[in-house]
Amino acid sequence: MPNSYETLTDREKEVLRLLAGGHDAKSAACEMNLSVHAVNERLRSTRRKLGVTSSKQAVRILLEGEGTNCVGYKQFEFAPVTASLKVLRGISALTRSQLEA
């Protein structure tokens, strides 16, 4: 590993933590109020800094560096639900009641 996870910016680490919690790039973008393009750029930068070819490898390096493993990482377990609720807030009340039916 050419570089340590400590070289990552806070936002790059945040994207990786969201991936660890089950987000994909699109839902991570929603959660962070960024474009999908911006999230993918952060992921590319992260992989380059860590010298890995996949985001999954980058997530593993971050979690190991922070003293956590993927199995025990519970902090973001419900993050995709949060992103879905943000999307639902923008839907009209009529549409929302139709979704709940």
N, C-alpha and C. Protein backbone atom coordinates (compact mmCIF):
# COMPACT_ATOMS: atom_id res chain seq x y z
N MET A 1 0.85 -1.17 0.00
CA MET A 1 0.00 0.00 0.00
C MET A 1 0.89 1.24 0.00
N PRO A 2 0.90 1.99 -1.12
CA PRO A 2 1.80 3.13 -1.23
C PRO A 2 1.52 4.25 -0.24
N ASN A 3 0.25 4.49 0.07
CA ASN A 3 -0.12 5.59 0.95
C ASN A 3 -1.05 5.11 2.05
N SER A 4 -1.04 5.81 3.15
CA SER A 4 -1.89 5.48 4.28
C SER A 4 -3.28 6.07 4.09
N TYR A 5 -4.25 5.49 4.75
CA TYR A 5 -5.60 6.04 4.71
C TYR A 5 -5.62 7.45 5.28
N GLU A 6 -4.63 7.81 6.07
CA GLU A 6 -4.58 9.14 6.68
C GLU A 6 -4.37 10.24 5.65
N THR A 7 -3.95 9.89 4.42
CA THR A 7 -3.78 10.89 3.37
C THR A 7 -5.12 11.29 2.75
N LEU A 8 -6.18 10.57 3.08
CA LEU A 8 -7.49 10.86 2.51
C LEU A 8 -8.11 12.08 3.18
N THR A 9 -8.88 12.83 2.40
CA THR A 9 -9.60 13.97 2.97
C THR A 9 -10.78 13.46 3.79
N ASP A 10 -11.34 14.32 4.61
CA ASP A 10 -12.51 13.93 5.40
C ASP A 10 -13.67 13.52 4.51
N ARG A 11 -13.87 14.22 3.40
CA ARG A 11 -14.97 13.90 2.49
C ARG A 11 -14.74 12.56 1.78
N GLU A 12 -13.50 12.26 1.43
CA GLU A 12 -13.20 10.95 0.84
C GLU A 12 -13.48 9.84 1.84
N LYS A 13 -13.10 10.06 3.09
CA LYS A 13 -13.40 9.07 4.13
C LYS A 13 -14.89 8.91 4.33
N GLU A 14 -15.62 10.02 4.27
CA GLU A 14 -17.06 9.96 4.46
C GLU A 14 -17.72 9.11 3.36
N VAL A 15 -17.28 9.29 2.11
CA VAL A 15 -17.81 8.48 1.01
C VAL A 15 -17.55 7.00 1.27
N LEU A 16 -16.34 6.67 1.70
CA LEU A 16 -16.00 5.26 1.96
C LEU A 16 -16.84 4.70 3.11
N ARG A 17 -17.07 5.50 4.14
CA ARG A 17 -17.90 5.02 5.25
C ARG A 17 -19.33 4.75 4.79
N LEU A 18 -19.83 5.60 3.91
CA LEU A 18 -21.18 5.38 3.38
C LEU A 18 -21.23 4.10 2.55
N LEU A 19 -20.19 3.85 1.77
CA LEU A 19 -20.13 2.59 1.01
C LEU A 19 -20.09 1.40 1.96
N ALA A 20 -19.35 1.55 3.04
CA ALA A 20 -19.27 0.46 4.03
C ALA A 20 -20.63 0.18 4.64
N GLY A 21 -21.47 1.20 4.70
CA GLY A 21 -22.79 1.05 5.28
C GLY A 21 -23.85 0.60 4.29
N GLY A 22 -23.45 0.33 3.06
CA GLY A 22 -24.40 -0.20 2.09
C GLY A 22 -24.85 0.76 1.01
N HIS A 23 -24.38 1.98 1.03
CA HIS A 23 -24.73 2.93 -0.01
C HIS A 23 -24.03 2.59 -1.32
N ASP A 24 -24.65 2.97 -2.43
CA ASP A 24 -23.95 2.99 -3.70
C ASP A 24 -23.61 4.46 -3.97
N ALA A 25 -22.98 4.74 -5.11
CA ALA A 25 -22.56 6.11 -5.39
C ALA A 25 -23.74 7.07 -5.45
N LYS A 26 -24.86 6.62 -6.01
CA LYS A 26 -26.02 7.49 -6.14
C LYS A 26 -26.62 7.86 -4.79
N SER A 27 -26.80 6.88 -3.91
CA SER A 27 -27.38 7.19 -2.60
C SER A 27 -26.38 7.94 -1.72
N ALA A 28 -25.08 7.68 -1.88
CA ALA A 28 -24.07 8.45 -1.14
C ALA A 28 -24.11 9.90 -1.58
N ALA A 29 -24.29 10.12 -2.89
CA ALA A 29 -24.39 11.49 -3.41
C ALA A 29 -25.58 12.21 -2.80
N CYS A 30 -26.71 11.52 -2.71
CA CYS A 30 -27.90 12.10 -2.10
C CYS A 30 -27.65 12.45 -0.64
N GLU A 31 -27.05 11.54 0.08
CA GLU A 31 -26.76 11.73 1.50
C GLU A 31 -25.82 12.91 1.74
N MET A 32 -24.85 13.08 0.84
CA MET A 32 -23.85 14.13 1.00
C MET A 32 -24.21 15.43 0.27
N ASN A 33 -25.37 15.45 -0.38
CA ASN A 33 -25.79 16.61 -1.17
C ASN A 33 -24.76 16.96 -2.25
N LEU A 34 -24.29 15.93 -2.95
CA LEU A 34 -23.33 16.08 -4.04
C LEU A 34 -23.89 15.43 -5.30
N SER A 35 -23.26 15.69 -6.42
CA SER A 35 -23.63 14.98 -7.63
C SER A 35 -22.98 13.60 -7.61
N VAL A 36 -23.55 12.69 -8.37
CA VAL A 36 -22.96 11.35 -8.48
C VAL A 36 -21.56 11.48 -9.07
N HIS A 37 -21.38 12.40 -10.00
CA HIS A 37 -20.07 12.63 -10.60
C HIS A 37 -19.04 13.01 -9.52
N ALA A 38 -19.41 13.90 -8.61
CA ALA A 38 -18.50 14.32 -7.55
C ALA A 38 -18.13 13.14 -6.64
N VAL A 39 -19.09 12.30 -6.32
CA VAL A 39 -18.82 11.12 -5.49
C VAL A 39 -17.88 10.17 -6.22
N ASN A 40 -18.15 9.93 -7.50
CA ASN A 40 -17.27 9.04 -8.27
C ASN A 40 -15.86 9.60 -8.39
N GLU A 41 -15.72 10.92 -8.51
CA GLU A 41 -14.40 11.55 -8.53
C GLU A 41 -13.67 11.32 -7.20
N ARG A 42 -14.39 11.45 -6.10
CA ARG A 42 -13.78 11.19 -4.78
C ARG A 42 -13.33 9.73 -4.67
N LEU A 43 -14.15 8.83 -5.18
CA LEU A 43 -13.77 7.41 -5.14
C LEU A 43 -12.53 7.14 -6.00
N ARG A 44 -12.47 7.75 -7.18
CA ARG A 44 -11.28 7.58 -8.03
C ARG A 44 -10.04 8.12 -7.34
N SER A 45 -10.17 9.29 -6.73
CA SER A 45 -9.05 9.90 -6.02
C SER A 45 -8.60 9.01 -4.86
N THR A 46 -9.57 8.47 -4.15
CA THR A 46 -9.28 7.59 -3.01
C THR A 46 -8.53 6.35 -3.46
N ARG A 47 -9.01 5.70 -4.53
CA ARG A 47 -8.34 4.50 -5.03
C ARG A 47 -6.92 4.81 -5.47
N ARG A 48 -6.74 5.96 -6.12
CA ARG A 48 -5.41 6.36 -6.57
C ARG A 48 -4.48 6.58 -5.37
N LYS A 49 -4.94 7.31 -4.37
CA LYS A 49 -4.12 7.59 -3.19
C LYS A 49 -3.72 6.31 -2.45
N LEU A 50 -4.65 5.35 -2.39
CA LEU A 50 -4.39 4.12 -1.64
C LEU A 50 -3.71 3.05 -2.50
N GLY A 51 -3.63 3.28 -3.81
CA GLY A 51 -2.97 2.33 -4.69
C GLY A 51 -3.75 1.04 -4.87
N VAL A 52 -5.09 1.15 -4.91
CA VAL A 52 -5.94 -0.03 -5.09
C VAL A 52 -6.79 0.16 -6.34
N THR A 53 -7.41 -0.93 -6.79
CA THR A 53 -8.19 -0.87 -8.01
C THR A 53 -9.69 -0.88 -7.77
N SER A 54 -10.13 -1.17 -6.55
CA SER A 54 -11.57 -1.20 -6.30
C SER A 54 -11.92 -0.38 -5.06
N SER A 55 -13.14 0.12 -5.07
CA SER A 55 -13.63 0.88 -3.91
C SER A 55 -13.77 -0.04 -2.70
N LYS A 56 -14.09 -1.30 -2.96
CA LYS A 56 -14.21 -2.26 -1.86
C LYS A 56 -12.87 -2.40 -1.11
N GLN A 57 -11.77 -2.45 -1.86
CA GLN A 57 -10.45 -2.50 -1.23
C GLN A 57 -10.18 -1.23 -0.43
N ALA A 58 -10.58 -0.09 -0.99
CA ALA A 58 -10.37 1.18 -0.31
C ALA A 58 -11.16 1.24 1.01
N VAL A 59 -12.40 0.74 0.98
CA VAL A 59 -13.21 0.69 2.20
C VAL A 59 -12.52 -0.16 3.25
N ARG A 60 -12.02 -1.32 2.85
CA ARG A 60 -11.35 -2.22 3.79
C ARG A 60 -10.14 -1.54 4.42
N ILE A 61 -9.34 -0.83 3.61
CA ILE A 61 -8.15 -0.14 4.12
C ILE A 61 -8.56 0.94 5.13
N LEU A 62 -9.60 1.71 4.81
CA LEU A 62 -10.06 2.75 5.73
C LEU A 62 -10.52 2.15 7.05
N LEU A 63 -11.36 1.14 6.97
CA LEU A 63 -11.90 0.55 8.20
C LEU A 63 -10.80 -0.10 9.04
N GLU A 64 -9.86 -0.77 8.38
CA GLU A 64 -8.74 -1.35 9.13
C GLU A 64 -7.89 -0.25 9.76
N GLY A 65 -7.67 0.83 9.01
CA GLY A 65 -6.88 1.95 9.53
C GLY A 65 -7.54 2.62 10.72
N GLU A 66 -8.87 2.61 10.73
CA GLU A 66 -9.61 3.20 11.84
C GLU A 66 -9.86 2.20 12.95
N GLY A 67 -9.33 0.99 12.79
CA GLY A 67 -9.47 -0.02 13.83
C GLY A 67 -10.82 -0.70 13.84
N THR A 68 -11.48 -0.74 12.69
CA THR A 68 -12.79 -1.36 12.58
C THR A 68 -12.75 -2.34 11.42
N ASN A 69 -13.53 -3.42 11.52
CA ASN A 69 -13.64 -4.31 10.37
C ASN A 69 -15.03 -4.19 9.77
N CYS A 70 -15.19 -4.67 8.55
CA CYS A 70 -16.47 -4.53 7.84
C CYS A 70 -17.61 -5.21 8.58
N VAL A 71 -17.36 -6.35 9.19
CA VAL A 71 -18.41 -7.09 9.87
C VAL A 71 -18.92 -6.32 11.07
N GLY A 72 -18.02 -5.67 11.80
CA GLY A 72 -18.42 -4.96 13.01
C GLY A 72 -18.83 -3.52 12.78
N TYR A 73 -18.89 -3.10 11.55
CA TYR A 73 -19.17 -1.69 11.26
C TYR A 73 -20.67 -1.46 11.23
N LYS A 74 -21.24 -1.01 12.36
CA LYS A 74 -22.68 -0.87 12.50
C LYS A 74 -23.14 0.59 12.42
N GLN A 75 -22.23 1.54 12.52
CA GLN A 75 -22.62 2.94 12.61
C GLN A 75 -23.50 3.40 11.44
N PHE A 76 -23.24 2.88 10.23
CA PHE A 76 -23.97 3.34 9.06
C PHE A 76 -24.94 2.28 8.55
N GLU A 77 -25.31 1.34 9.39
CA GLU A 77 -26.15 0.23 8.96
C GLU A 77 -27.48 0.71 8.37
N PHE A 78 -28.06 1.78 8.89
CA PHE A 78 -29.34 2.25 8.43
C PHE A 78 -29.24 3.48 7.54
N ALA A 79 -28.06 3.79 7.04
CA ALA A 79 -27.87 4.98 6.21
C ALA A 79 -28.71 4.97 4.94
N PRO A 80 -28.89 3.85 4.22
CA PRO A 80 -29.72 3.89 3.02
C PRO A 80 -31.15 4.33 3.30
N VAL A 81 -31.68 3.99 4.46
CA VAL A 81 -33.03 4.41 4.82
C VAL A 81 -33.08 5.92 4.95
N THR A 82 -32.06 6.52 5.54
CA THR A 82 -31.99 7.97 5.67
C THR A 82 -32.03 8.64 4.31
N ALA A 83 -31.26 8.12 3.36
CA ALA A 83 -31.25 8.69 2.01
C ALA A 83 -32.63 8.57 1.37
N SER A 84 -33.30 7.45 1.56
CA SER A 84 -34.63 7.25 0.99
C SER A 84 -35.63 8.23 1.59
N LEU A 85 -35.51 8.51 2.87
CA LEU A 85 -36.42 9.46 3.51
C LEU A 85 -36.22 10.86 2.96
N LYS A 86 -34.98 11.23 2.65
CA LYS A 86 -34.72 12.54 2.06
C LYS A 86 -35.42 12.66 0.71
N VAL A 87 -35.40 11.60 -0.06
CA VAL A 87 -36.07 11.60 -1.35
C VAL A 87 -37.57 11.72 -1.16
N LEU A 88 -38.11 10.98 -0.20
CA LEU A 88 -39.55 11.02 0.05
C LEU A 88 -40.05 12.39 0.48
N ARG A 89 -39.21 13.15 1.16
CA ARG A 89 -39.63 14.48 1.59
C ARG A 89 -40.00 15.37 0.41
N GLY A 90 -39.40 15.11 -0.73
CA GLY A 90 -39.67 15.91 -1.91
C GLY A 90 -40.90 15.47 -2.68
N ILE A 91 -41.51 14.37 -2.30
CA ILE A 91 -42.68 13.85 -2.99
C ILE A 91 -43.94 14.45 -2.36
N SER A 92 -44.91 14.75 -3.17
CA SER A 92 -46.15 15.36 -2.65
C SER A 92 -46.85 14.43 -1.68
N ALA A 93 -47.70 14.98 -0.85
CA ALA A 93 -48.43 14.20 0.15
C ALA A 93 -49.31 13.16 -0.52
N LEU A 94 -49.91 13.50 -1.63
CA LEU A 94 -50.76 12.55 -2.34
C LEU A 94 -49.95 11.36 -2.81
N THR A 95 -48.82 11.62 -3.43
CA THR A 95 -47.96 10.55 -3.90
C THR A 95 -47.46 9.71 -2.72
N ARG A 96 -47.10 10.36 -1.62
CA ARG A 96 -46.61 9.66 -0.45
C ARG A 96 -47.67 8.71 0.09
N SER A 97 -48.94 9.16 0.14
CA SER A 97 -50.00 8.28 0.64
C SER A 97 -50.22 7.11 -0.32
N GLN A 98 -50.03 7.32 -1.59
CA GLN A 98 -50.16 6.24 -2.56
C GLN A 98 -49.05 5.21 -2.36
N LEU A 99 -47.84 5.67 -2.02
CA LEU A 99 -46.72 4.77 -1.78
C LEU A 99 -46.95 3.93 -0.54
N GLU A 100 -47.59 4.51 0.48
CA GLU A 100 -47.82 3.79 1.72
C GLU A 100 -48.97 2.79 1.61
N ALA A 101 -49.85 2.96 0.63
CA ALA A 101 -51.01 2.08 0.46
C ALA A 101 -50.63 0.71 -0.03
